[in-house]
Protein backbone atom coordinates (compact mmCIF):
# COMPACT_ATOMS: atom_id res chain seq x y z
CA UNK A 1 -0.34 -0.12 -0.04
CA UNK A 2 1.73 3.53 -1.37
CA UNK A 3 0.53 5.47 1.84
CA UNK A 4 2.98 6.06 4.63
CA UNK A 5 1.51 4.98 7.80
CA UNK A 6 4.18 6.32 10.28
CA UNK A 7 3.76 9.75 8.75
CA UNK A 8 0.22 9.79 8.74
CA UNK A 9 -0.21 8.56 12.48
CA UNK A 10 1.86 11.59 13.44
CA UNK A 11 0.40 13.98 11.53
CA UNK A 12 -2.69 12.94 13.13
CA UNK A 13 -1.50 12.92 16.31
CA UNK A 14 -0.64 16.43 15.38
CA UNK A 15 -4.27 17.36 14.34
CA UNK A 16 -5.89 15.70 17.24
CA UNK A 17 -6.95 12.58 15.63
CA UNK A 18 -6.37 8.86 16.26
CA UNK A 19 -5.80 6.20 14.02
CA UNK A 20 -6.41 2.53 13.84
CA UNK A 21 -6.01 -0.27 11.01
CA UNK A 22 -10.04 -1.59 10.91
CA UNK A 23 -10.92 -5.13 10.28
CA UNK A 24 -12.10 -6.26 6.69
CA UNK A 25 -16.17 -5.80 8.03
CA UNK A 26 -15.75 -2.55 9.65
CA UNK A 27 -13.93 -0.69 6.61
CA UNK A 28 -15.24 -2.39 4.16
CA UNK A 29 -19.27 -2.36 4.38
CA UNK A 30 -20.49 0.95 4.80
CA UNK A 31 -22.63 1.91 7.75
CA UNK A 32 -26.38 1.27 7.32
CA UNK A 33 -27.98 4.52 6.87
CA UNK A 34 -30.06 5.07 10.20
CA UNK A 35 -32.18 8.12 11.97
CA UNK A 36 -30.88 7.81 15.32
CA UNK A 37 -27.21 7.86 13.89
CA UNK A 38 -24.95 10.80 12.20
CA UNK A 39 -26.00 11.89 9.15
CA UNK A 40 -24.26 13.41 6.05
CA UNK A 41 -26.55 16.04 5.16
CA UNK A 42 -23.88 18.55 3.46
CA UNK A 43 -21.65 15.67 1.64
CA UNK A 44 -17.88 15.73 1.80
CA UNK A 45 -14.89 17.61 0.18
CA UNK A 46 -11.27 17.90 0.36
CA UNK A 47 -8.79 20.66 0.20
CA UNK A 48 -5.81 22.39 -0.17
CA UNK A 49 -4.12 19.41 -1.80
CA UNK A 50 -0.56 19.78 -2.02
CA UNK A 51 1.97 17.17 -2.73
CA UNK A 52 1.81 15.28 0.66
CA UNK A 53 -1.15 17.13 2.31
CA UNK A 54 -4.55 17.34 2.32
CA UNK A 55 -7.64 18.71 4.54
CA UNK A 56 -11.03 16.62 4.56
CA UNK A 57 -14.58 18.45 5.73
CA UNK A 58 -17.62 17.60 6.06
CA UNK A 59 -20.52 17.58 8.00
CA UNK A 60 -23.43 15.92 10.22
CA UNK A 61 -26.90 16.42 12.35
CA UNK A 62 -25.43 16.05 15.62
CA UNK A 63 -22.86 15.92 18.16
CA UNK A 64 -20.17 13.01 16.64
CA UNK A 65 -16.70 12.21 16.02
CA UNK A 66 -15.38 12.69 12.16
CA UNK A 67 -13.99 9.22 11.26
CA UNK A 68 -11.86 9.09 7.91
CA UNK A 69 -11.18 5.92 6.16
CA UNK A 70 -7.93 6.63 3.69
CA UNK A 71 -6.74 4.59 0.65
CA UNK A 72 -4.40 4.30 -1.91
CA UNK A 73 -5.38 0.96 -3.25
CA UNK A 74 -8.92 1.46 -4.23
CA UNK A 75 -9.50 -0.90 -1.48
CA UNK A 76 -11.18 0.22 1.95
CA UNK A 77 -10.73 -3.31 3.42
CA UNK A 78 -7.16 -2.23 3.37
CA UNK A 79 -7.69 1.55 4.57
CA UNK A 80 -6.11 3.25 7.47
CA UNK A 81 -8.84 4.44 9.80
CA UNK A 82 -8.72 8.14 10.83
CA UNK A 83 -10.54 9.22 13.52
CA UNK A 84 -10.94 13.24 13.53
CA UNK A 85 -12.74 15.98 16.13
CA UNK A 86 -15.66 15.69 17.74
CA UNK A 87 -18.35 18.50 16.24
CA UNK A 88 -21.47 20.09 17.92
CA UNK A 89 -23.23 23.34 17.68
CA UNK A 90 -20.12 25.36 18.27
CA UNK A 91 -18.76 24.41 14.42
CA UNK A 92 -22.81 23.77 12.95
CA UNK A 93 -21.65 20.08 12.79
CA UNK A 94 -18.98 20.58 10.75
CA UNK A 95 -15.50 19.09 11.17
CA UNK A 96 -12.01 19.49 8.95
CA UNK A 97 -8.94 16.66 8.93
CA UNK A 98 -5.64 17.75 7.89
CA UNK A 99 -3.75 15.09 6.37
CA UNK A 100 0.40 15.00 6.01
CA UNK A 101 2.34 12.62 5.34
CA UNK A 102 0.97 11.77 1.92
CA UNK A 103 2.78 10.67 -1.20
CA UNK A 104 3.21 12.73 -4.35
CA UNK A 105 1.38 11.49 -7.30
CA UNK A 106 -0.65 9.32 -6.13
CA UNK A 107 -4.53 9.04 -5.70
CA UNK A 108 -6.68 8.21 -2.18
CA UNK A 109 -9.50 7.21 -2.00
CA UNK A 110 -12.00 8.45 1.58
CA UNK A 111 -14.71 7.51 2.71
CA UNK A 112 -16.20 10.09 5.24
CA UNK A 113 -18.42 9.08 8.77
CA UNK A 114 -19.50 10.02 11.77
CA UNK A 115 -19.25 8.25 14.99
CA UNK A 116 -21.67 8.65 18.16
CA UNK A 117 -20.97 8.57 21.77
CA UNK A 118 -21.31 5.31 21.61
CA UNK A 119 -19.06 4.87 18.90
CA UNK A 120 -21.74 3.90 16.37
CA UNK A 121 -21.19 4.87 12.82
CA UNK A 122 -23.82 6.72 10.61
CA UNK A 123 -24.13 7.81 6.86
CA UNK A 124 -21.02 7.06 4.68
CA UNK A 125 -20.11 8.86 1.72
CA UNK A 126 -16.92 8.24 -0.38
CA UNK A 127 -14.68 10.94 -2.04
CA UNK A 128 -11.15 10.96 -4.04
CA UNK A 129 -8.72 13.09 -4.37
CA UNK A 130 -5.09 13.16 -6.48
CA UNK A 131 -1.97 14.44 -5.09
CA UNK A 132 0.25 16.66 -7.35
CA UNK A 133 3.74 14.68 -8.26
CA UNK A 134 6.82 14.96 -10.74
CA UNK A 135 6.57 13.94 -14.47
CA UNK A 136 2.43 14.48 -14.00
CA UNK A 137 0.89 17.44 -16.13
CA UNK A 138 -1.76 19.33 -13.86
CA UNK A 139 -5.28 20.73 -14.83
CA UNK A 140 -7.57 22.75 -13.04
CA UNK A 141 -10.43 25.31 -13.17
CA UNK A 142 -11.29 28.12 -11.42
CA UNK A 143 -14.45 30.68 -11.66
CA UNK A 144 -16.18 32.92 -9.00
CA UNK A 145 -19.87 34.24 -8.07
CA UNK A 146 -22.19 31.53 -7.04
CA UNK A 147 -25.55 31.99 -6.22
CA UNK A 148 -25.68 36.02 -6.36
CA UNK A 149 -28.66 38.50 -7.61
CA UNK A 150 -31.22 35.75 -6.10
CA UNK A 151 -30.33 33.22 -9.07
CA UNK A 152 -30.47 29.80 -7.20
CA UNK A 153 -31.02 25.87 -7.24
CA UNK A 154 -33.39 25.75 -9.60
CA UNK A 155 -34.37 22.43 -9.81
CA UNK A 156 -35.91 22.72 -13.31
CA UNK A 157 -32.70 23.70 -14.98
CA UNK A 158 -30.64 20.82 -13.57
CA UNK A 159 -29.66 22.99 -10.79
CA UNK A 160 -26.33 24.62 -10.92
CA UNK A 161 -24.90 22.83 -14.26
CA UNK A 162 -21.68 24.82 -14.66
CA UNK A 163 -20.15 23.07 -11.84
CA UNK A 164 -21.39 19.98 -13.55
CA UNK A 165 -19.27 21.46 -16.91
CA UNK A 166 -15.84 21.98 -14.63
CA UNK A 167 -16.62 18.45 -13.60
CA UNK A 168 -16.20 16.71 -16.65
CA UNK A 169 -12.43 18.09 -17.31
CA UNK A 170 -12.00 16.14 -14.57
CA UNK A 171 -9.62 18.98 -13.02
CA UNK A 172 -7.13 18.17 -10.69
CA UNK A 173 -8.63 21.03 -7.99
CA UNK A 174 -10.89 23.82 -8.71
CA UNK A 175 -9.87 27.23 -7.42
CA UNK A 176 -12.44 28.86 -6.02
CA UNK A 177 -12.06 32.81 -6.49
CA UNK A 178 -14.57 34.73 -4.26
CA UNK A 179 -18.18 35.50 -3.42
CA UNK A 180 -18.59 31.35 -2.38
CA UNK A 181 -21.91 32.91 -1.29
CA UNK A 182 -24.50 35.98 -1.75
CA UNK A 183 -24.81 36.64 1.91
CA UNK A 184 -26.48 40.01 0.70
CA UNK A 185 -28.70 38.62 -1.72
CA UNK A 186 -32.27 37.18 -0.39
CA UNK A 187 -33.50 34.51 -3.15
CA UNK A 188 -37.11 34.26 -3.96
CA UNK A 189 -39.18 31.11 -5.19
CA UNK A 190 -40.13 32.73 -8.58
CA UNK A 191 -38.31 35.10 -10.81
CA UNK A 192 -40.43 36.71 -14.05
CA UNK A 193 -37.37 37.08 -17.21
CA UNK A 194 -37.96 39.30 -19.61
CA UNK A 195 -39.29 36.69 -22.25
CA UNK A 196 -42.19 35.90 -19.52
CA UNK A 197 -40.67 32.67 -18.51
CA UNK A 198 -40.42 31.91 -14.60
CA UNK A 199 -37.45 31.16 -13.17
CA UNK A 200 -38.05 28.80 -10.24
CA UNK A 201 -35.40 28.97 -6.91
CA UNK A 202 -35.72 25.96 -4.10
CA UNK A 203 -35.69 28.31 -0.73
CA UNK A 204 -35.01 28.12 2.83
CA UNK A 205 -35.65 29.51 5.53
CA UNK A 206 -31.66 31.14 5.68
CA UNK A 207 -31.86 32.77 2.19
CA UNK A 208 -34.87 34.65 2.45
CA UNK A 209 -33.11 37.69 4.06
CA UNK A 210 -30.14 39.02 4.10
CA UNK A 211 -27.46 37.54 6.31
CA UNK A 212 -26.43 39.32 9.86
CA UNK A 213 -26.59 36.19 12.32
CA UNK A 214 -24.18 33.35 12.27
CA UNK A 215 -26.65 31.00 11.42
CA UNK A 216 -27.96 32.63 8.37
CA UNK A 217 -24.71 32.90 7.17
CA UNK A 218 -23.70 29.44 7.24
CA UNK A 219 -27.16 28.85 6.16
CA UNK A 220 -25.87 29.94 2.96
CA UNK A 221 -23.46 27.59 2.57
CA UNK A 222 -25.45 24.72 3.12
CA UNK A 223 -28.08 25.90 0.74
CA UNK A 224 -25.37 26.01 -1.87
CA UNK A 225 -24.47 21.99 -0.32
CA UNK A 226 -28.29 21.22 -1.44
CA UNK A 227 -26.83 21.33 -4.95
CA UNK A 228 -25.84 17.79 -6.66
CA UNK A 229 -23.70 19.17 -9.17
CA UNK A 230 -21.61 21.34 -6.59
CA UNK A 231 -21.60 17.97 -4.00
CA UNK A 232 -20.54 15.93 -6.88
CA UNK A 233 -17.92 18.00 -7.79
CA UNK A 234 -16.40 18.40 -4.45
CA UNK A 235 -16.32 14.84 -3.89
CA UNK A 236 -14.21 14.10 -6.75
CA UNK A 237 -12.17 17.53 -6.58
CA UNK A 238 -10.39 18.92 -3.98
CA UNK A 239 -11.42 22.68 -3.81
CA UNK A 240 -8.78 26.04 -3.02
CA UNK A 241 -11.13 28.69 -2.27
CA UNK A 242 -10.39 32.06 -1.21
CA UNK A 243 -13.23 35.12 0.28
CA UNK A 244 -14.16 38.56 -1.65
CA UNK A 245 -17.18 40.23 0.12
CA UNK A 246 -20.80 39.11 -0.81
CA UNK A 247 -19.55 36.30 1.92
CA UNK A 248 -20.41 38.99 4.03
CA UNK A 249 -22.32 42.08 2.47
CA UNK A 250 -21.42 44.03 -0.76
CA UNK A 251 -18.26 46.14 -1.59
CA UNK A 252 -17.17 45.94 2.34
CA UNK A 253 -14.44 47.62 3.96
CA UNK A 254 -13.06 47.00 7.64
CA UNK A 255 -15.45 49.55 9.91
CA UNK A 256 -17.58 50.53 7.44
CA UNK A 257 -21.05 51.48 8.92
CA UNK A 258 -23.99 50.67 6.61
CA UNK A 259 -26.98 52.53 5.22
CA UNK A 260 -28.58 49.93 4.32
CA UNK A 261 -32.37 49.66 5.86
CA UNK A 262 -32.22 45.25 5.25
CA UNK A 263 -30.19 45.24 8.16
CA UNK A 264 -30.75 45.20 11.43
CA UNK A 265 -26.38 45.09 12.47
CA UNK A 266 -25.00 48.45 10.29
CA UNK A 267 -21.62 47.48 11.85
CA UNK A 268 -19.98 45.46 8.98
CA UNK A 269 -16.85 44.50 11.79
CA UNK A 270 -19.77 42.30 13.37
CA UNK A 271 -20.81 41.23 10.23
CA UNK A 272 -17.36 40.64 8.94
CA UNK A 273 -16.67 38.26 12.24
CA UNK A 274 -19.88 35.90 11.72
CA UNK A 275 -18.88 35.75 7.81
CA UNK A 276 -15.67 34.79 7.95
CA UNK A 277 -16.03 32.44 11.27
CA UNK A 278 -19.37 30.52 8.88
CA UNK A 279 -16.92 29.91 5.83
CA UNK A 280 -13.33 28.63 7.91
CA UNK A 281 -16.45 26.40 8.90
CA UNK A 282 -17.61 25.47 5.40
CA UNK A 283 -14.45 25.38 3.07
CA UNK A 284 -11.62 22.97 4.12
CA UNK A 285 -7.98 25.02 4.40
CA UNK A 286 -5.16 24.51 5.55
CA UNK A 287 -4.51 27.15 8.01
CA UNK A 288 -0.76 29.15 7.60
CA UNK A 289 -0.04 31.87 10.12
CA UNK A 290 -3.06 31.17 11.81
CA UNK A 291 -6.38 29.94 11.88
CA UNK A 292 -7.91 33.01 10.52
CA UNK A 293 -5.87 33.78 7.95
CA UNK A 294 -6.85 33.30 4.80
CA UNK A 295 -4.09 34.31 2.35
CA UNK A 296 -1.88 31.49 2.00
CA UNK A 297 0.40 29.33 -0.35
CA UNK A 298 -1.18 26.02 -1.87
CA UNK A 299 1.97 24.26 -3.85
CA UNK A 300 1.25 21.92 -6.60
CA UNK A 301 4.65 20.36 -7.47
CA UNK A 302 6.97 21.56 -9.62
CA UNK A 303 4.78 22.81 -11.95
CA UNK A 304 2.64 25.06 -10.14
CA UNK A 305 2.34 27.45 -7.08
CA UNK A 306 -0.91 29.03 -6.27
CA UNK A 307 -0.76 32.42 -4.31
CA UNK A 308 -4.41 32.79 -2.44
CA UNK A 309 -4.55 36.73 -1.44
CA UNK A 310 -7.22 38.27 0.77
CA UNK A 311 -8.23 41.37 -1.15
CA UNK A 312 -11.27 42.52 1.77
CA UNK A 313 -9.49 42.10 5.62
CA UNK A 314 -7.00 44.67 5.10
CA UNK A 315 -8.16 46.83 2.51
CA UNK A 316 -8.85 50.93 3.98
CA UNK A 317 -11.88 52.44 3.07
CA UNK A 318 -13.13 52.92 -0.67
CA UNK A 319 -11.79 55.84 -2.24
CA UNK A 320 -12.78 58.53 -4.44
CA UNK A 321 -11.70 57.53 -8.27
CA UNK A 322 -9.08 61.07 -7.41
CA UNK A 323 -7.36 59.83 -4.48
CA UNK A 324 -3.31 60.06 -5.05
CA UNK A 325 -2.22 58.91 -2.20
CA UNK A 326 -1.89 55.05 -1.45
CA UNK A 327 -4.76 52.80 -0.17
CA UNK A 328 -4.63 49.80 1.34
CA UNK A 329 -5.91 46.60 -0.58
CA UNK A 330 -3.73 43.57 0.55
CA UNK A 331 -1.57 45.61 3.53
CA UNK A 332 1.93 45.74 4.06
CA UNK A 333 2.40 42.82 5.82
CA UNK A 334 0.34 40.28 2.60
CA UNK A 335 2.07 42.57 0.08
CA UNK A 336 5.39 41.87 1.35
CA UNK A 337 4.51 37.90 1.79
CA UNK A 338 3.41 37.98 -1.74
CA UNK A 339 6.78 39.22 -2.92
CA UNK A 340 8.57 37.09 -0.90
CA UNK A 341 7.01 34.31 -1.03
CA UNK A 342 6.83 34.76 -4.87
CA UNK A 343 10.42 35.77 -5.74
CA UNK A 344 11.51 32.30 -3.42
CA UNK A 345 9.01 29.87 -5.95
CA UNK A 346 10.80 26.64 -7.80
CA UNK A 347 7.37 26.11 -9.57
CA UNK A 348 7.67 26.53 -12.56
CA UNK A 349 4.38 28.85 -13.12
CA UNK A 350 3.08 31.24 -10.23
CA UNK A 351 -0.79 31.85 -10.15
CA UNK A 352 -1.68 34.44 -8.19
CA UNK A 353 -5.19 34.22 -7.19
CA UNK A 354 -6.79 37.52 -6.98
CA UNK A 355 -9.86 37.94 -6.06
CA UNK A 356 -10.57 41.32 -7.94
CA UNK A 357 -9.21 42.39 -11.33
CA UNK A 358 -6.38 44.69 -11.24
CA UNK A 359 -7.00 46.99 -14.19
CA UNK A 360 -10.92 46.78 -14.17
CA UNK A 361 -12.74 49.25 -13.15
CA UNK A 362 -15.30 48.10 -10.77
CA UNK A 363 -16.83 51.12 -8.79
CA UNK A 364 -18.70 51.54 -5.55
CA UNK A 365 -21.65 53.80 -6.25
CA UNK A 366 -18.84 57.22 -6.41
CA UNK A 367 -16.55 55.70 -4.79
CA UNK A 368 -13.83 53.18 -6.13
CA UNK A 369 -14.45 49.25 -5.07
CA UNK A 370 -11.64 47.44 -7.04
CA UNK A 371 -7.58 48.64 -7.79
CA UNK A 372 -8.36 50.54 -10.88
CA UNK A 373 -9.03 54.27 -9.72
CA UNK A 374 -10.55 55.09 -13.51
CA UNK A 375 -7.51 57.90 -13.91
CA UNK A 376 -4.73 57.96 -16.05
CA UNK A 377 -1.78 58.66 -15.09
CA UNK A 378 1.04 57.86 -12.28
CA UNK A 379 -1.05 54.96 -9.73
CA UNK A 380 -3.11 56.42 -6.92
CA UNK A 381 -5.49 55.08 -4.33
CA UNK A 382 -4.94 50.98 -4.11
CA UNK A 383 -2.67 51.00 -7.22
CA UNK A 384 0.04 51.68 -4.88
CA UNK A 385 -0.15 48.73 -3.55
CA UNK A 386 -0.13 46.56 -6.82
CA UNK A 387 2.45 49.09 -8.79
CA UNK A 388 5.00 48.43 -5.78
CA UNK A 389 4.25 44.31 -5.97
CA UNK A 390 4.57 44.54 -9.63
CA UNK A 391 7.88 46.13 -9.60
CA UNK A 392 9.36 43.65 -6.78
CA UNK A 393 8.55 40.87 -9.06
CA UNK A 394 10.32 42.44 -11.50
CA UNK A 395 13.20 43.83 -9.50
CA UNK A 396 13.43 39.98 -8.19
CA UNK A 397 13.42 38.57 -12.02
CA UNK A 398 10.21 36.58 -10.97
CA UNK A 399 9.20 34.78 -14.46
CA UNK A 400 6.01 33.14 -15.39
CA UNK A 401 2.97 35.30 -13.21
CA UNK A 402 -0.50 34.51 -14.33
CA UNK A 403 -3.04 36.09 -12.01
CA UNK A 404 -6.27 34.47 -12.37
CA UNK A 405 -9.52 36.51 -10.88
CA UNK A 406 -13.40 36.57 -11.32
CA UNK A 407 -15.98 38.86 -9.43
CA UNK A 408 -16.75 41.17 -12.16
CA UNK A 409 -19.54 38.73 -14.01
CA UNK A 410 -17.76 38.37 -17.09
CA UNK A 411 -15.02 36.49 -18.60
CA UNK A 412 -12.02 38.63 -20.35
CA UNK A 413 -8.32 37.95 -21.52
CA UNK A 414 -5.89 40.39 -20.56
CA UNK A 415 -2.13 41.27 -21.28
CA UNK A 416 -0.42 43.94 -19.54
CA UNK A 417 2.19 46.04 -21.06
CA UNK A 418 4.49 48.58 -19.79
CA UNK A 419 4.97 49.74 -23.24
CA UNK A 420 1.55 50.50 -23.18
CA UNK A 421 1.21 52.02 -19.81
CA UNK A 422 1.37 54.91 -17.45
CA UNK A 423 3.34 52.92 -14.67
CA UNK A 424 6.01 51.05 -16.95
CA UNK A 425 8.34 49.16 -13.90
CA UNK A 426 7.15 45.68 -14.48
CA UNK A 427 7.54 42.92 -16.38
CA UNK A 428 4.52 41.63 -19.05
CA UNK A 429 2.20 39.77 -17.36
CA UNK A 430 -1.85 37.89 -18.16
CA UNK A 431 -5.07 38.58 -15.81
CA UNK A 432 -7.80 36.02 -17.17
CA UNK A 433 -11.09 36.56 -15.52
CA UNK A 434 -13.88 34.03 -15.19
CA UNK A 435 -17.20 33.82 -13.29
CA UNK A 436 -19.77 33.92 -13.07
CA UNK A 437 -20.65 30.55 -12.20
CA UNK A 438 -24.36 30.43 -11.11
CA UNK A 439 -25.24 34.47 -10.90
CA UNK A 440 -26.13 37.11 -12.53
CA UNK A 441 -24.09 38.43 -16.12
CA UNK A 442 -23.22 41.49 -16.25
CA UNK A 443 -20.25 43.70 -18.56
CA UNK A 444 -17.95 44.58 -19.68
CA UNK A 445 -16.63 47.47 -16.98
CA UNK A 446 -14.01 49.77 -18.27
CA UNK A 447 -10.13 49.28 -18.47
CA UNK A 448 -7.70 51.51 -16.46
CA UNK A 449 -4.72 52.62 -18.87
CA UNK A 450 -2.36 52.63 -15.64
CA UNK A 451 -0.52 49.50 -15.77
CA UNK A 452 -2.04 48.96 -19.69
CA UNK A 453 -4.31 45.84 -19.87
CA UNK A 454 -4.85 45.10 -23.74
CA UNK A 455 -8.04 43.54 -24.32
CA UNK A 456 -7.43 40.29 -26.24
CA UNK A 457 -10.62 38.29 -25.29
CA UNK A 458 -14.25 39.21 -23.59
CA UNK A 459 -17.57 37.73 -23.51
CA UNK A 460 -20.25 39.14 -21.39
CA UNK A 461 -24.08 39.57 -20.69
CA UNK A 462 -26.67 40.60 -23.48
CA UNK A 463 -28.38 42.35 -20.88
CA UNK A 464 -27.36 43.46 -17.40
CA UNK A 465 -28.37 40.61 -14.92
CA UNK A 466 -29.06 38.20 -16.94
CA UNK A 467 -30.16 34.54 -15.53
CA UNK A 468 -27.78 31.40 -15.91
CA UNK A 469 -30.24 29.82 -18.63
CA UNK A 470 -28.92 32.48 -20.21
CA UNK A 471 -26.06 30.83 -21.00
CA UNK A 472 -23.32 33.37 -20.11
CA UNK A 473 -21.67 31.32 -17.33
CA UNK A 474 -18.15 31.13 -17.70
CA UNK A 475 -15.00 29.51 -16.21
CA UNK A 476 -11.27 28.79 -16.79
CA UNK A 477 -9.39 25.77 -17.13
CA UNK A 478 -5.44 25.61 -17.28
CA UNK A 479 -3.41 22.40 -18.35
CA UNK A 480 0.65 22.91 -17.54
CA UNK A 481 2.35 20.29 -19.78
CA UNK A 482 4.80 18.43 -17.96
CA UNK A 483 7.72 17.88 -20.41
CA UNK A 484 7.27 21.75 -21.83
CA UNK A 485 5.76 23.70 -19.30
CA UNK A 486 3.39 25.16 -21.62
CA UNK A 487 0.60 26.86 -19.87
CA UNK A 488 -2.44 26.10 -21.78
CA UNK A 489 -5.43 28.64 -20.47
CA UNK A 490 -9.06 28.75 -22.00
CA UNK A 491 -12.25 30.22 -21.31
CA UNK A 492 -15.58 28.43 -21.67
CA UNK A 493 -19.30 28.68 -21.13
CA UNK A 494 -22.21 27.29 -19.18
CA UNK A 495 -21.75 24.16 -20.84
CA UNK A 496 -17.85 23.48 -21.38
CA UNK A 497 -17.82 24.61 -24.96
CA UNK A 498 -14.57 26.50 -25.14
CA UNK A 499 -14.93 30.28 -26.10
CA UNK A 500 -10.98 31.53 -25.86
CA UNK A 501 -7.64 29.50 -25.78
CA UNK A 502 -3.77 30.96 -25.53
CA UNK A 503 -0.39 28.83 -24.99
CA UNK A 504 1.37 30.76 -22.49
CA UNK A 505 4.81 29.17 -23.14
CA UNK A 506 7.31 29.71 -20.07
CA UNK A 507 10.03 32.02 -19.93
CA UNK A 508 13.56 31.28 -18.47
CA UNK A 509 15.10 32.92 -15.80
CA UNK A 510 18.62 34.72 -16.99
């Protein structure tokens, strides 16, 4: 069996789990589903999978202990059993188990269940993930913006079928670039479309109003996991997740006081604390630098490192377009981390997973929400921080960076060229925009000339807030060849049709 029992034992001891080798009967036969035993209402997930580590997640319906049977042989009668943490109401019955000591380039099958205080196991579900390895290519998908603008789970439409299209590409992992939920968007049972037809949503109590309480934030994640397309993808494909604004409230920044009459709790800091707890409960994240920190590096072997940014927690107040002085977006500590870690990366490609685009103008009423401030000339506002990062990449001879993002609800490919920019102290790079995956489609937005983005491709809505049934839902796909190290990126629609494709050959350090 290609599994290091000694390493797993040490890792699970650190994680607070215990390990035992089960007999054939207990491992090979799934537990009988009984109402008096723990159930699995939200499926299972794996996340932040690297060459030798992963996180396994699930949720139950009562106080019980997470149990994971793990095998690399495809046979559960040879599985190693890992007993993880006990969960209860304080965690909304969610549980995560970090795994270390895994072998590179290996497929693992896992069976997840929960065990009550009497040692009785309940419902079980099976999933899988593969660790990256040398001499193997990598493929992955990315998108963002799930269940936005009131477009929820429509059984007549087949549910969130863009997740099915992503699943069919058989990716090694799925990068969710933010807006995993829309906590600020109530969902109604029926929405009349411009052509007179009716979009029908599944509705639960928690999604019928804006989320303010912790229970309502949690309810948004539970709602998305009701969709079979989402659960099927998560069982087979590890997720790398980051957040943006709608996990809390639209366009928020620390210290903001809301004027929205829908909210009884106006303090964004209070809402963000509840939102972050729900985010960390419902998504499997390998914590780096403390449990509360969302930005991190997820390594995928010699071909790829993914650097997940948090462009929400450390930002300053949304500025006016003419603001000349610096305004935080990443914050000094995260910006320094990004430069340091990307410069130290030995991977052929460095993906900067940015939850907002760099050169696309994203307004917040009369203010600026994203990086671009819409003013030609030298960097202003949040552009200062990005200009410093880009210039540091150039000074440190960083090659082969690609910025992947979502947020603006249309897809586009931008090439940033210093020869066509007003700020020129950086090397050329690509930024590819995907999304939405099950939300209203908009765009396209104007481009800001500061960093010289050149539009190579765009596909946007036929009209503002176009529903998923219009077909303009988008995700991106990347494949990296293990021999040539060519980074092939494509943008695809709701059904997986390739709309645009580009081969990016690797640049060599000099």
